[in-house]
PDB file of all heavy atoms in Angstrom:
ATOM      1  N   GLY A   1     -38.223  -3.677  23.337  1.00  0.00           N
ATOM      2  CA  GLY A   1     -37.653  -2.918  24.453  1.00  0.00           C
ATOM      3  C   GLY A   1     -38.303  -1.556  24.563  1.00  0.00           C
ATOM      4  O   GLY A   1     -39.495  -1.392  24.372  1.00  0.00           O
ATOM      5  N   SER A   2     -37.479  -0.561  24.853  1.00  0.00           N
ATOM      6  CA  SER A   2     -37.983   0.806  25.012  1.00  0.00           C
ATOM      7  C   SER A   2     -37.910   1.560  23.691  1.00  0.00           C
ATOM      8  O   SER A   2     -37.097   1.267  22.824  1.00  0.00           O
ATOM      9  CB  SER A   2     -37.141   1.534  26.058  1.00  0.00           C
ATOM     10  OG  SER A   2     -37.279   0.899  27.300  1.00  0.00           O
ATOM     11  N   ILE A   3     -38.779   2.563  23.574  1.00  0.00           N
ATOM     12  CA  ILE A   3     -38.827   3.406  22.378  1.00  0.00           C
ATOM     13  C   ILE A   3     -38.515   4.835  22.800  1.00  0.00           C
ATOM     14  O   ILE A   3     -39.133   5.355  23.729  1.00  0.00           O
ATOM     15  CB  ILE A   3     -40.227   3.382  21.725  1.00  0.00           C
ATOM     16  CG1 ILE A   3     -40.592   1.980  21.256  1.00  0.00           C
ATOM     17  CG2 ILE A   3     -40.295   4.357  20.565  1.00  0.00           C
ATOM     18  CD1 ILE A   3     -42.006   1.868  20.729  1.00  0.00           C
ATOM     19  N   GLY A   4     -37.582   5.478  22.116  1.00  0.00           N
ATOM     20  CA  GLY A   4     -37.296   6.887  22.389  1.00  0.00           C
ATOM     21  C   GLY A   4     -38.338   7.772  21.734  1.00  0.00           C
ATOM     22  O   GLY A   4     -39.108   8.452  22.395  1.00  0.00           O
ATOM     23  N   THR A   5     -38.382   7.757  20.407  1.00  0.00           N
ATOM     24  CA  THR A   5     -39.313   8.602  19.658  1.00  0.00           C
ATOM     25  C   THR A   5     -39.875   7.819  18.479  1.00  0.00           C
ATOM     26  O   THR A   5     -39.134   7.150  17.771  1.00  0.00           O
ATOM     27  CB  THR A   5     -38.599   9.855  19.118  1.00  0.00           C
ATOM     28  OG1 THR A   5     -38.036  10.569  20.210  1.00  0.00           O
ATOM     29  CG2 THR A   5     -39.550  10.760  18.370  1.00  0.00           C
ATOM     30  N   VAL A   6     -41.195   7.928  18.268  1.00  0.00           N
ATOM     31  CA  VAL A   6     -41.849   7.327  17.114  1.00  0.00           C
ATOM     32  C   VAL A   6     -42.723   8.386  16.471  1.00  0.00           C
ATOM     33  O   VAL A   6     -43.509   9.046  17.145  1.00  0.00           O
ATOM     34  CB  VAL A   6     -42.729   6.119  17.521  1.00  0.00           C
ATOM     35  CG1 VAL A   6     -43.497   5.597  16.317  1.00  0.00           C
ATOM     36  CG2 VAL A   6     -41.898   5.030  18.139  1.00  0.00           C
ATOM     37  N   VAL A   7     -42.573   8.543  15.141  1.00  0.00           N
ATOM     38  CA  VAL A   7     -43.399   9.476  14.380  1.00  0.00           C
ATOM     39  C   VAL A   7     -43.928   8.726  13.170  1.00  0.00           C
ATOM     40  O   VAL A   7     -43.150   8.223  12.365  1.00  0.00           O
ATOM     41  CB  VAL A   7     -42.581  10.708  13.930  1.00  0.00           C
ATOM     42  CG1 VAL A   7     -43.435  11.638  13.078  1.00  0.00           C
ATOM     43  CG2 VAL A   7     -42.016  11.445  15.122  1.00  0.00           C
ATOM     44  N   THR A   8     -45.251   8.611  13.034  1.00  0.00           N
ATOM     45  CA  THR A   8     -45.844   7.921  11.892  1.00  0.00           C
ATOM     46  C   THR A   8     -46.734   8.823  11.047  1.00  0.00           C
ATOM     47  O   THR A   8     -47.249   8.388  10.036  1.00  0.00           O
ATOM     48  CB  THR A   8     -46.678   6.712  12.365  1.00  0.00           C
ATOM     49  OG1 THR A   8     -47.746   7.182  13.170  1.00  0.00           O
ATOM     50  CG2 THR A   8     -45.835   5.716  13.133  1.00  0.00           C
ATOM     51  N   GLY A   9     -46.949  10.057  11.446  1.00  0.00           N
ATOM     52  CA  GLY A   9     -47.849  10.951  10.724  1.00  0.00           C
ATOM     53  C   GLY A   9     -47.192  11.616   9.530  1.00  0.00           C
ATOM     54  O   GLY A   9     -45.985  11.821   9.491  1.00  0.00           O
ATOM     55  N   ASP A  10     -48.003  11.978   8.536  1.00  0.00           N
ATOM     56  CA  ASP A  10     -47.514  12.701   7.369  1.00  0.00           C
ATOM     57  C   ASP A  10     -47.131  14.121   7.770  1.00  0.00           C
ATOM     58  O   ASP A  10     -47.915  14.830   8.409  1.00  0.00           O
ATOM     59  CB  ASP A  10     -48.595  12.763   6.279  1.00  0.00           C
ATOM     60  CG  ASP A  10     -48.872  11.400   5.672  1.00  0.00           C
ATOM     61  OD1 ASP A  10     -47.941  10.575   5.622  1.00  0.00           O
ATOM     62  OD2 ASP A  10     -50.027  11.167   5.273  1.00  0.00           O
ATOM     63  N   GLY A  11     -45.940  14.524   7.451  1.00  0.00           N
ATOM     64  CA  GLY A  11     -45.485  15.878   7.734  1.00  0.00           C
ATOM     65  C   GLY A  11     -45.074  16.105   9.177  1.00  0.00           C
ATOM     66  O   GLY A  11     -44.562  17.175   9.509  1.00  0.00           O
ATOM     67  N   ALA A  12     -45.307  15.161  10.038  1.00  0.00           N
ATOM     68  CA  ALA A  12     -44.904  15.309  11.436  1.00  0.00           C
ATOM     69  C   ALA A  12     -43.400  15.070  11.557  1.00  0.00           C
ATOM     70  O   ALA A  12     -42.826  14.304  10.804  1.00  0.00           O
ATOM     71  CB  ALA A  12     -45.664  14.326  12.318  1.00  0.00           C
ATOM     72  N   GLN A  13     -42.778  15.754  12.507  1.00  0.00           N
ATOM     73  CA  GLN A  13     -41.341  15.616  12.693  1.00  0.00           C
ATOM     74  C   GLN A  13     -41.041  15.214  14.126  1.00  0.00           C
ATOM     75  O   GLN A  13     -41.771  15.556  15.052  1.00  0.00           O
ATOM     76  CB  GLN A  13     -40.641  16.928  12.364  1.00  0.00           C
ATOM     77  CG  GLN A  13     -40.763  17.305  10.893  1.00  0.00           C
ATOM     78  CD  GLN A  13     -39.958  18.546  10.581  1.00  0.00           C
ATOM     79  OE1 GLN A  13     -39.259  19.072  11.423  1.00  0.00           O
ATOM     80  NE2 GLN A  13     -40.062  19.009   9.351  1.00  0.00           N
ATOM     81  N   ALA A  14     -39.940  14.505  14.286  1.00  0.00           N
ATOM     82  CA  ALA A  14     -39.493  14.111  15.619  1.00  0.00           C
ATOM     83  C   ALA A  14     -39.016  15.348  16.361  1.00  0.00           C
ATOM     84  O   ALA A  14     -38.520  16.298  15.754  1.00  0.00           O
ATOM     85  CB  ALA A  14     -38.367  13.097  15.509  1.00  0.00           C
ATOM     86  N   PRO A  15     -39.176  15.373  17.689  1.00  0.00           N
ATOM     87  CA  PRO A  15     -38.677  16.515  18.457  1.00  0.00           C
ATOM     88  C   PRO A  15     -37.165  16.633  18.313  1.00  0.00           C
ATOM     89  O   PRO A  15     -36.470  15.636  18.105  1.00  0.00           O
ATOM     90  CB  PRO A  15     -39.087  16.179  19.895  1.00  0.00           C
ATOM     91  CG  PRO A  15     -39.397  14.730  19.910  1.00  0.00           C
ATOM     92  CD  PRO A  15     -39.769  14.348  18.526  1.00  0.00           C
ATOM     93  N   SER A  16     -36.658  17.881  18.426  1.00  0.00           N
ATOM     94  CA  SER A  16     -35.219  18.110  18.250  1.00  0.00           C
ATOM     95  C   SER A  16     -34.410  17.458  19.363  1.00  0.00           C
ATOM     96  O   SER A  16     -33.304  17.000  19.143  1.00  0.00           O
ATOM     97  CB  SER A  16     -34.923  19.604  18.182  1.00  0.00           C
ATOM     98  OG  SER A  16     -35.400  20.229  19.360  1.00  0.00           O
ATOM     99  N   ALA A  17     -34.931  17.424  20.577  1.00  0.00           N
ATOM    100  CA  ALA A  17     -34.224  16.783  21.687  1.00  0.00           C
ATOM    101  C   ALA A  17     -34.941  15.472  22.018  1.00  0.00           C
ATOM    102  O   ALA A  17     -36.157  15.463  22.208  1.00  0.00           O
ATOM    103  CB  ALA A  17     -34.212  17.688  22.910  1.00  0.00           C
ATOM    104  N   PRO A  18     -34.205  14.366  22.065  1.00  0.00           N
ATOM    105  CA  PRO A  18     -34.870  13.105  22.399  1.00  0.00           C
ATOM    106  C   PRO A  18     -35.404  13.139  23.829  1.00  0.00           C
ATOM    107  O   PRO A  18     -34.831  13.800  24.691  1.00  0.00           O
ATOM    108  CB  PRO A  18     -33.771  12.061  22.241  1.00  0.00           C
ATOM    109  CG  PRO A  18     -32.494  12.810  22.300  1.00  0.00           C
ATOM    110  CD  PRO A  18     -32.786  14.211  21.863  1.00  0.00           C
ATOM    111  N   PRO A  19     -36.503  12.465  24.081  1.00  0.00           N
ATOM    112  CA  PRO A  19     -37.072  12.461  25.423  1.00  0.00           C
ATOM    113  C   PRO A  19     -36.152  11.730  26.401  1.00  0.00           C
ATOM    114  O   PRO A  19     -35.418  10.832  26.025  1.00  0.00           O
ATOM    115  CB  PRO A  19     -38.393  11.719  25.257  1.00  0.00           C
ATOM    116  CG  PRO A  19     -38.210  10.893  24.035  1.00  0.00           C
ATOM    117  CD  PRO A  19     -37.272  11.646  23.154  1.00  0.00           C
ATOM    118  N   ALA A  20     -36.205  12.136  27.651  1.00  0.00           N
ATOM    119  CA  ALA A  20     -35.410  11.480  28.681  1.00  0.00           C
ATOM    120  C   ALA A  20     -36.043  10.140  29.021  1.00  0.00           C
ATOM    121  O   ALA A  20     -37.237  10.056  29.280  1.00  0.00           O
ATOM    122  CB  ALA A  20     -35.332  12.357  29.921  1.00  0.00           C
ATOM    123  N   MET A  21     -35.242   9.091  28.972  1.00  0.00           N
ATOM    124  CA  MET A  21     -35.731   7.758  29.296  1.00  0.00           C
ATOM    125  C   MET A  21     -35.378   7.442  30.747  1.00  0.00           C
ATOM    126  O   MET A  21     -34.313   7.804  31.225  1.00  0.00           O
ATOM    127  CB  MET A  21     -35.077   6.717  28.375  1.00  0.00           C
ATOM    128  CG  MET A  21     -35.396   6.930  26.892  1.00  0.00           C
ATOM    129  SD  MET A  21     -37.141   6.793  26.509  1.00  0.00           S
ATOM    130  CE  MET A  21     -37.375   5.054  26.725  1.00  0.00           C
ATOM    131  N   PRO A  22     -36.256   6.752  31.461  1.00  0.00           N
ATOM    132  CA  PRO A  22     -35.954   6.363  32.840  1.00  0.00           C
ATOM    133  C   PRO A  22     -34.738   5.436  32.889  1.00  0.00           C
ATOM    134  O   PRO A  22     -34.462   4.715  31.945  1.00  0.00           O
ATOM    135  CB  PRO A  22     -37.204   5.611  33.295  1.00  0.00           C
ATOM    136  CG  PRO A  22     -38.266   5.982  32.329  1.00  0.00           C
ATOM    137  CD  PRO A  22     -37.588   6.365  31.064  1.00  0.00           C
ATOM    138  N   ALA A  23     -34.022   5.465  33.996  1.00  0.00           N
ATOM    139  CA  ALA A  23     -32.847   4.622  34.157  1.00  0.00           C
ATOM    140  C   ALA A  23     -33.246   3.157  34.050  1.00  0.00           C
ATOM    141  O   ALA A  23     -34.220   2.728  34.646  1.00  0.00           O
ATOM    142  CB  ALA A  23     -32.191   4.880  35.512  1.00  0.00           C
ATOM    143  N   GLY A  24     -32.494   2.391  33.274  1.00  0.00           N
ATOM    144  CA  GLY A  24     -32.769   0.971  33.113  1.00  0.00           C
ATOM    145  C   GLY A  24     -33.837   0.657  32.095  1.00  0.00           C
ATOM    146  O   GLY A  24     -34.052  -0.502  31.776  1.00  0.00           O
TER     147      GLY A  24
END
């Protein structure tokens, strides 16, 4: 399905606010 946030890098962090997903 849809993905909100993906972080795979060393030391990288997810953004504090999740990204806005399109309706549906």
